N, C-alpha and C. Protein backbone atom coordinates (compact mmCIF):
# COMPACT_ATOMS: atom_id res chain seq x y z
N UNK A 1 -5.76 -35.63 7.00
CA UNK A 1 -6.35 -34.31 7.10
C UNK A 1 -7.83 -34.47 7.41
N UNK A 2 -8.30 -33.72 8.38
CA UNK A 2 -9.71 -33.80 8.76
C UNK A 2 -10.55 -32.96 7.81
N UNK A 3 -11.86 -33.24 7.80
CA UNK A 3 -12.75 -32.53 6.90
C UNK A 3 -12.94 -31.07 7.28
N UNK A 4 -12.83 -30.74 8.57
CA UNK A 4 -13.07 -29.35 8.98
C UNK A 4 -11.85 -28.45 8.79
N UNK A 5 -10.68 -29.00 8.44
CA UNK A 5 -9.50 -28.19 8.21
C UNK A 5 -9.51 -27.64 6.78
N UNK A 6 -9.25 -26.36 6.63
CA UNK A 6 -9.22 -25.80 5.26
C UNK A 6 -7.99 -26.29 4.51
N UNK A 7 -8.11 -26.45 3.23
CA UNK A 7 -6.98 -26.91 2.41
C UNK A 7 -6.00 -25.78 2.13
N UNK A 8 -6.49 -24.53 2.08
CA UNK A 8 -5.62 -23.37 1.89
C UNK A 8 -5.71 -22.49 3.12
N UNK A 9 -4.63 -21.83 3.47
CA UNK A 9 -4.71 -20.91 4.62
C UNK A 9 -5.72 -19.79 4.35
N UNK A 10 -6.42 -19.42 5.38
CA UNK A 10 -7.46 -18.40 5.23
C UNK A 10 -6.89 -16.99 5.18
N UNK A 11 -5.65 -16.81 5.59
CA UNK A 11 -5.09 -15.47 5.64
C UNK A 11 -4.59 -14.98 4.29
N UNK A 12 -4.54 -15.83 3.28
CA UNK A 12 -4.07 -15.40 1.97
C UNK A 12 -5.10 -14.52 1.31
N UNK A 13 -4.63 -13.45 0.70
CA UNK A 13 -5.49 -12.52 -0.01
C UNK A 13 -5.05 -12.50 -1.47
N UNK A 14 -5.74 -13.25 -2.28
CA UNK A 14 -5.35 -13.39 -3.68
C UNK A 14 -5.79 -12.20 -4.53
N UNK A 15 -6.61 -11.33 -3.98
CA UNK A 15 -7.12 -10.20 -4.75
C UNK A 15 -6.36 -8.90 -4.46
N UNK A 16 -5.33 -8.92 -3.67
CA UNK A 16 -4.63 -7.70 -3.29
C UNK A 16 -3.94 -7.04 -4.48
N UNK A 17 -3.18 -7.78 -5.26
CA UNK A 17 -2.47 -7.18 -6.38
C UNK A 17 -3.40 -6.65 -7.46
N UNK A 18 -4.44 -7.39 -7.87
CA UNK A 18 -5.37 -6.81 -8.84
C UNK A 18 -6.09 -5.57 -8.30
N UNK A 19 -6.43 -5.59 -7.01
CA UNK A 19 -7.07 -4.41 -6.41
C UNK A 19 -6.11 -3.22 -6.38
N UNK A 20 -4.86 -3.47 -6.04
CA UNK A 20 -3.87 -2.40 -6.00
C UNK A 20 -3.63 -1.83 -7.39
N UNK A 21 -3.57 -2.70 -8.38
CA UNK A 21 -3.36 -2.24 -9.76
C UNK A 21 -4.53 -1.37 -10.21
N UNK A 22 -5.75 -1.79 -9.92
CA UNK A 22 -6.92 -1.01 -10.30
C UNK A 22 -6.95 0.33 -9.57
N UNK A 23 -6.55 0.33 -8.30
CA UNK A 23 -6.56 1.58 -7.52
C UNK A 23 -5.51 2.56 -8.05
N UNK A 24 -4.32 2.07 -8.37
CA UNK A 24 -3.27 2.94 -8.89
C UNK A 24 -3.68 3.49 -10.26
N UNK A 25 -4.29 2.66 -11.10
CA UNK A 25 -4.75 3.14 -12.40
C UNK A 25 -5.82 4.21 -12.24
N UNK A 26 -6.72 4.02 -11.28
CA UNK A 26 -7.76 5.02 -11.04
C UNK A 26 -7.15 6.31 -10.49
N UNK A 27 -6.13 6.18 -9.65
CA UNK A 27 -5.45 7.37 -9.13
C UNK A 27 -4.74 8.13 -10.25
N UNK A 28 -4.14 7.40 -11.18
CA UNK A 28 -3.46 8.04 -12.30
C UNK A 28 -4.46 8.72 -13.23
N UNK A 29 -5.62 8.12 -13.40
CA UNK A 29 -6.64 8.67 -14.28
C UNK A 29 -7.28 9.93 -13.69
N UNK A 30 -7.65 9.86 -12.39
CA UNK A 30 -8.37 10.95 -11.75
C UNK A 30 -7.45 12.00 -11.13
N UNK A 31 -6.21 11.68 -10.95
CA UNK A 31 -5.27 12.64 -10.38
C UNK A 31 -5.59 12.98 -8.94
N UNK A 32 -5.51 14.25 -8.60
CA UNK A 32 -5.75 14.70 -7.23
C UNK A 32 -7.22 14.63 -6.83
N UNK A 33 -8.11 14.38 -7.76
CA UNK A 33 -9.53 14.27 -7.45
C UNK A 33 -9.91 12.90 -6.91
N UNK A 34 -9.01 11.93 -7.02
CA UNK A 34 -9.29 10.58 -6.50
C UNK A 34 -9.12 10.59 -4.99
N UNK A 35 -10.01 9.92 -4.26
CA UNK A 35 -9.93 9.98 -2.78
C UNK A 35 -8.69 9.32 -2.19
N UNK A 36 -8.00 8.46 -2.91
CA UNK A 36 -6.81 7.79 -2.36
C UNK A 36 -5.52 8.55 -2.63
N UNK A 37 -5.53 9.51 -3.52
CA UNK A 37 -4.29 10.17 -3.92
C UNK A 37 -3.65 10.93 -2.78
N UNK A 38 -4.40 11.75 -2.09
CA UNK A 38 -3.83 12.58 -1.02
C UNK A 38 -3.27 11.75 0.13
N UNK A 39 -3.99 10.71 0.63
CA UNK A 39 -3.39 9.91 1.70
C UNK A 39 -2.13 9.16 1.27
N UNK A 40 -2.09 8.69 0.03
CA UNK A 40 -0.91 7.96 -0.44
C UNK A 40 0.27 8.92 -0.58
N UNK A 41 0.03 10.12 -1.09
CA UNK A 41 1.11 11.10 -1.19
C UNK A 41 1.59 11.56 0.19
N UNK A 42 0.66 11.67 1.13
CA UNK A 42 1.04 12.01 2.50
C UNK A 42 1.90 10.91 3.11
N UNK A 43 1.53 9.66 2.87
CA UNK A 43 2.34 8.54 3.36
C UNK A 43 3.72 8.54 2.74
N UNK A 44 3.81 8.89 1.46
CA UNK A 44 5.11 8.96 0.80
C UNK A 44 5.97 10.07 1.42
N UNK A 45 5.35 11.20 1.73
CA UNK A 45 6.10 12.31 2.33
C UNK A 45 6.58 11.95 3.74
N UNK A 46 5.72 11.33 4.53
CA UNK A 46 6.12 10.92 5.88
C UNK A 46 7.23 9.88 5.81
N UNK A 47 7.11 8.94 4.88
CA UNK A 47 8.16 7.93 4.73
C UNK A 47 9.48 8.53 4.29
N UNK A 48 9.43 9.55 3.42
CA UNK A 48 10.66 10.20 2.98
C UNK A 48 11.33 10.94 4.13
N UNK A 49 10.53 11.61 4.97
CA UNK A 49 11.09 12.30 6.14
C UNK A 49 11.69 11.28 7.10
N UNK A 50 11.01 10.16 7.29
CA UNK A 50 11.55 9.11 8.15
C UNK A 50 12.84 8.54 7.56
N UNK A 51 12.92 8.50 6.24
CA UNK A 51 14.13 8.01 5.59
C UNK A 51 15.33 8.91 5.83
N UNK A 52 15.09 10.22 5.98
CA UNK A 52 16.19 11.13 6.31
C UNK A 52 16.70 10.88 7.72
N UNK A 53 15.79 10.52 8.63
CA UNK A 53 16.16 10.35 10.04
C UNK A 53 16.88 9.02 10.26
N UNK A 54 16.39 7.97 9.63
CA UNK A 54 16.97 6.64 9.83
C UNK A 54 18.26 6.51 9.03
N UNK A 55 19.32 6.00 9.63
CA UNK A 55 20.61 5.97 8.94
C UNK A 55 20.69 4.96 7.80
N UNK A 56 19.97 3.86 7.87
CA UNK A 56 20.09 2.81 6.86
C UNK A 56 19.15 3.07 5.68
N UNK A 57 17.97 3.61 5.97
CA UNK A 57 16.95 3.81 4.95
C UNK A 57 17.08 5.23 4.41
N UNK A 58 17.11 5.35 3.10
CA UNK A 58 17.17 6.67 2.49
C UNK A 58 15.78 7.23 2.24
N UNK A 59 15.71 8.47 1.80
CA UNK A 59 14.40 9.08 1.58
C UNK A 59 13.61 8.45 0.43
N UNK A 60 14.28 7.90 -0.55
CA UNK A 60 13.56 7.26 -1.66
C UNK A 60 12.90 5.98 -1.19
N UNK A 61 13.65 5.15 -0.50
CA UNK A 61 13.08 3.90 0.02
C UNK A 61 11.99 4.21 1.03
N UNK A 62 12.22 5.18 1.89
CA UNK A 62 11.22 5.57 2.87
C UNK A 62 9.94 6.07 2.21
N UNK A 63 10.07 6.84 1.14
CA UNK A 63 8.89 7.33 0.42
C UNK A 63 8.11 6.21 -0.23
N UNK A 64 8.81 5.27 -0.82
CA UNK A 64 8.13 4.13 -1.47
C UNK A 64 7.42 3.27 -0.42
N UNK A 65 8.08 3.03 0.69
CA UNK A 65 7.47 2.22 1.74
C UNK A 65 6.27 2.95 2.34
N UNK A 66 6.39 4.24 2.57
CA UNK A 66 5.28 5.01 3.11
C UNK A 66 4.08 5.03 2.18
N UNK A 67 4.32 5.22 0.89
CA UNK A 67 3.23 5.21 -0.09
C UNK A 67 2.61 3.83 -0.18
N UNK A 68 3.43 2.80 -0.17
CA UNK A 68 2.91 1.43 -0.23
C UNK A 68 2.07 1.08 0.97
N UNK A 69 2.50 1.53 2.15
CA UNK A 69 1.74 1.26 3.37
C UNK A 69 0.39 1.96 3.32
N UNK A 70 0.37 3.20 2.91
CA UNK A 70 -0.90 3.94 2.86
C UNK A 70 -1.82 3.36 1.78
N UNK A 71 -1.27 2.92 0.67
CA UNK A 71 -2.10 2.28 -0.35
C UNK A 71 -2.70 1.00 0.19
N UNK A 72 -1.90 0.22 0.92
CA UNK A 72 -2.42 -1.01 1.53
C UNK A 72 -3.52 -0.70 2.52
N UNK A 73 -3.35 0.33 3.34
CA UNK A 73 -4.36 0.69 4.32
C UNK A 73 -5.63 1.20 3.64
N UNK A 74 -5.51 1.79 2.45
CA UNK A 74 -6.70 2.22 1.71
C UNK A 74 -7.44 1.03 1.12
N UNK A 75 -6.69 0.00 0.74
CA UNK A 75 -7.31 -1.19 0.15
C UNK A 75 -7.87 -2.12 1.21
N UNK A 76 -7.16 -2.28 2.30
CA UNK A 76 -7.57 -3.20 3.36
C UNK A 76 -7.58 -2.46 4.69
N UNK A 77 -8.64 -1.74 4.99
CA UNK A 77 -8.67 -0.95 6.24
C UNK A 77 -8.70 -1.78 7.49
């Protein structure tokens, strides 16, 4: 291994889960007044509607995926 090669891949984000946990806790504490709540709920609604359209994915899975995607986009723009 050469000296200029990193020992760990640079694309790993070890702070994503703690950041997501803190963001969800803040959303639960502040409710609709938190700036991330409305986009995450909108993502859940869009995912649920997409779940009705797609034959394999149901509205519950679609809502969870939509909310998760919007939460990720709020944490890592």
